């Protein structure tokens, strides 16, 4: 695995701003701080990538977010899409209309509740993702090639846990601030 460095560490191995030397393992608090900072940088990077991918797709960022959501989650109701993307149901209707006009989604009767409609990607719509992030698979493969299978399993487990924690945080409703 590639050597990593601790934040604030100088190349000479002298004491960092955190007060530990190159040979000292970082404290748990330092590691949590690095996880928080790096996690925020990852979030910003993913938002930037999503916007670049939306440009390449010819869709606006909101429509592309809906496309990505449906690719990951499968069939959803417009209300579920609205909730997931923090949009009004009226806005989602416009998003679905535009995506339907581009031949990416279709509305179908909901399989469990005939009062609802389900929105799903049409067959072949997944091809769009290969054109919006050229080189993504190769970059990810290269980035992970030095990790053992056991290390990759830990990364996969961590990502599963992160996604679960994010789902929990997103599902918590906060009171609206007065505007």
Protein backbone atom coordinates (compact mmCIF):
# COMPACT_ATOMS: atom_id res chain seq x y z
CA UNK A 1 0.00 0.00 0.00
CA UNK A 2 1.23 3.51 -0.73
CA UNK A 3 2.79 5.46 2.14
CA UNK A 4 0.53 8.09 3.60
CA UNK A 5 1.44 11.17 5.58
CA UNK A 6 -0.21 12.85 8.51
CA UNK A 7 -1.59 16.37 8.12
CA UNK A 8 0.76 19.08 9.29
CA UNK A 9 3.83 16.88 9.08
CA UNK A 10 7.01 18.28 7.61
CA UNK A 11 9.13 16.35 5.17
CA UNK A 12 12.01 16.28 7.64
CA UNK A 13 10.00 14.39 10.22
CA UNK A 14 10.08 17.22 12.75
CA UNK A 15 7.18 17.85 15.07
CA UNK A 16 4.01 18.89 13.29
CA UNK A 17 1.50 21.49 14.38
CA UNK A 18 -0.31 18.62 16.10
CA UNK A 19 2.78 18.03 18.24
CA UNK A 20 3.74 14.53 17.14
CA UNK A 21 6.82 13.37 15.27
CA UNK A 22 6.93 11.50 11.97
CA UNK A 23 7.58 8.18 13.71
CA UNK A 24 4.77 8.68 16.24
CA UNK A 25 1.41 7.34 15.12
CA UNK A 26 -1.24 10.04 14.84
CA UNK A 27 -3.69 10.24 17.71
CA UNK A 28 -7.28 9.07 17.26
CA UNK A 29 -8.40 12.71 17.53
CA UNK A 30 -5.99 13.68 14.74
CA UNK A 31 -7.27 10.82 12.60
CA UNK A 32 -10.91 11.85 13.17
CA UNK A 33 -10.02 15.42 12.22
CA UNK A 34 -8.31 14.16 9.04
CA UNK A 35 -11.37 12.01 8.24
CA UNK A 36 -13.63 15.02 8.68
CA UNK A 37 -11.47 17.30 6.54
CA UNK A 38 -10.86 14.68 3.87
CA UNK A 39 -14.55 13.73 3.88
CA UNK A 40 -15.52 17.33 3.25
CA UNK A 41 -12.98 17.54 0.42
CA UNK A 42 -14.41 14.32 -1.01
CA UNK A 43 -17.94 15.76 -0.87
CA UNK A 44 -16.82 18.90 -2.70
CA UNK A 45 -14.95 16.81 -5.26
CA UNK A 46 -18.01 14.64 -5.88
CA UNK A 47 -20.23 17.70 -6.35
CA UNK A 48 -17.71 19.14 -8.82
CA UNK A 49 -17.53 15.80 -10.67
CA UNK A 50 -21.32 15.57 -10.76
CA UNK A 51 -21.50 19.02 -12.34
CA UNK A 52 -18.83 18.13 -14.91
CA UNK A 53 -20.64 14.89 -15.71
CA UNK A 54 -23.92 16.78 -16.12
CA UNK A 55 -22.21 19.12 -18.63
CA UNK A 56 -20.98 16.13 -20.62
CA UNK A 57 -24.44 14.56 -20.56
CA UNK A 58 -26.13 17.68 -21.88
CA UNK A 59 -28.40 17.75 -18.80
CA UNK A 60 -28.58 20.36 -16.11
CA UNK A 61 -27.16 19.30 -12.71
CA UNK A 62 -30.58 18.63 -11.15
CA UNK A 63 -31.69 16.37 -14.00
CA UNK A 64 -28.35 14.56 -13.88
CA UNK A 65 -28.70 14.08 -10.12
CA UNK A 66 -32.09 12.48 -10.74
CA UNK A 67 -30.59 10.25 -13.45
CA UNK A 68 -27.81 9.19 -11.05
CA UNK A 69 -30.29 8.61 -8.23
CA UNK A 70 -32.41 6.34 -10.43
CA UNK A 71 -29.29 4.47 -11.62
CA UNK A 72 -28.30 3.77 -8.03
CA UNK A 73 -31.73 3.31 -6.43
CA UNK A 74 -33.84 1.87 -9.21
CA UNK A 75 -37.50 2.70 -9.67
CA UNK A 76 -38.82 5.49 -7.42
CA UNK A 77 -41.98 7.53 -7.04
CA UNK A 78 -41.83 11.25 -7.82
CA UNK A 79 -42.32 11.91 -4.10
CA UNK A 80 -39.33 9.73 -3.23
CA UNK A 81 -37.24 11.54 -5.84
CA UNK A 82 -38.36 14.91 -4.46
CA UNK A 83 -37.47 13.85 -0.92
CA UNK A 84 -34.09 12.42 -1.95
CA UNK A 85 -33.06 15.49 -3.95
CA UNK A 86 -34.70 18.04 -1.59
CA UNK A 87 -36.93 19.36 -4.36
CA UNK A 88 -40.61 20.20 -4.53
CA UNK A 89 -42.84 17.65 -6.22
CA UNK A 90 -43.62 20.30 -8.85
CA UNK A 91 -39.93 20.67 -9.65
CA UNK A 92 -39.58 16.90 -9.90
CA UNK A 93 -42.45 16.78 -12.39
CA UNK A 94 -40.45 19.12 -14.63
CA UNK A 95 -37.29 17.04 -14.17
CA UNK A 96 -39.13 13.83 -15.09
CA UNK A 97 -40.79 15.52 -18.08
CA UNK A 98 -37.39 16.65 -19.43
CA UNK A 99 -35.80 13.26 -18.84
CA UNK A 100 -38.76 11.53 -20.49
CA UNK A 101 -38.44 13.86 -23.51
CA UNK A 102 -34.78 12.81 -23.79
CA UNK A 103 -35.78 9.13 -23.73
CA UNK A 104 -34.09 8.38 -20.40
CA UNK A 105 -37.02 7.57 -18.10
CA UNK A 106 -40.53 6.29 -18.23
CA UNK A 107 -43.48 6.52 -15.92
CA UNK A 108 -45.19 3.24 -15.06
CA UNK A 109 -47.88 2.14 -12.64
CA UNK A 110 -46.43 1.57 -9.18
CA UNK A 111 -46.18 -2.20 -8.59
CA UNK A 112 -47.61 -2.03 -5.04
CA UNK A 113 -49.87 1.02 -5.00
CA UNK A 114 -52.05 1.72 -8.02
CA UNK A 115 -52.58 5.31 -6.88
CA UNK A 116 -48.90 6.04 -7.47
CA UNK A 117 -46.60 6.17 -10.45
CA UNK A 118 -43.09 4.78 -10.56
CA UNK A 119 -40.29 6.44 -12.49
CA UNK A 120 -37.54 4.26 -13.86
CA UNK A 121 -34.72 4.47 -16.36
CA UNK A 122 -35.56 3.03 -19.75
CA UNK A 123 -33.56 0.09 -20.97
CA UNK A 124 -30.21 1.30 -22.29
CA UNK A 125 -30.23 4.61 -20.37
CA UNK A 126 -27.26 3.39 -18.32
CA UNK A 127 -25.03 3.94 -21.37
CA UNK A 128 -25.08 7.65 -20.63
CA UNK A 129 -22.87 7.20 -17.58
CA UNK A 130 -20.00 5.76 -19.63
CA UNK A 131 -19.86 8.95 -21.72
CA UNK A 132 -20.10 11.37 -18.82
CA UNK A 133 -17.07 10.17 -16.86
CA UNK A 134 -14.54 8.89 -19.38
CA UNK A 135 -11.63 7.18 -17.70
CA UNK A 136 -13.39 6.83 -14.34
CA UNK A 137 -13.17 3.04 -14.15
CA UNK A 138 -9.52 3.06 -15.20
CA UNK A 139 -8.66 5.80 -12.68
CA UNK A 140 -10.38 3.90 -9.85
CA UNK A 141 -8.74 0.62 -10.83
CA UNK A 142 -5.30 2.25 -10.91
CA UNK A 143 -5.89 4.00 -7.61
CA UNK A 144 -6.77 0.73 -5.88
CA UNK A 145 -4.27 -1.65 -7.50
CA UNK A 146 -1.77 -1.43 -4.63
CA UNK A 147 -4.32 -2.50 -2.03
CA UNK A 148 -4.66 -6.15 -1.03
CA UNK A 149 -8.04 -7.88 -1.27
CA UNK A 150 -8.30 -7.66 2.52
CA UNK A 151 -7.66 -3.90 2.43
CA UNK A 152 -10.23 -3.46 -0.34
CA UNK A 153 -12.74 -5.39 1.80
CA UNK A 154 -12.13 -2.91 4.64
CA UNK A 155 -12.66 0.01 2.24
CA UNK A 156 -15.90 -1.54 0.95
CA UNK A 157 -17.09 -2.10 4.52
CA UNK A 158 -16.22 1.51 5.42
CA UNK A 159 -18.10 2.86 2.41
CA UNK A 160 -21.14 0.73 3.33
CA UNK A 161 -21.02 2.17 6.84
CA UNK A 162 -20.57 5.73 5.55
CA UNK A 163 -23.56 5.32 3.23
CA UNK A 164 -25.65 3.95 6.11
CA UNK A 165 -24.66 6.86 8.35
CA UNK A 166 -25.42 9.35 5.57
CA UNK A 167 -28.84 7.74 4.99
CA UNK A 168 -29.59 8.11 8.71
CA UNK A 169 -28.48 11.75 8.75
CA UNK A 170 -30.50 12.57 5.64
CA UNK A 171 -33.63 10.92 7.05
CA UNK A 172 -33.53 13.12 10.16
CA UNK A 173 -35.83 16.05 9.63
CA UNK A 174 -34.78 19.36 11.05
CA UNK A 175 -37.20 22.16 11.73
CA UNK A 176 -37.29 24.78 9.02
CA UNK A 177 -35.50 27.97 9.87
CA UNK A 178 -37.65 31.06 9.77
CA UNK A 179 -37.06 32.84 6.52
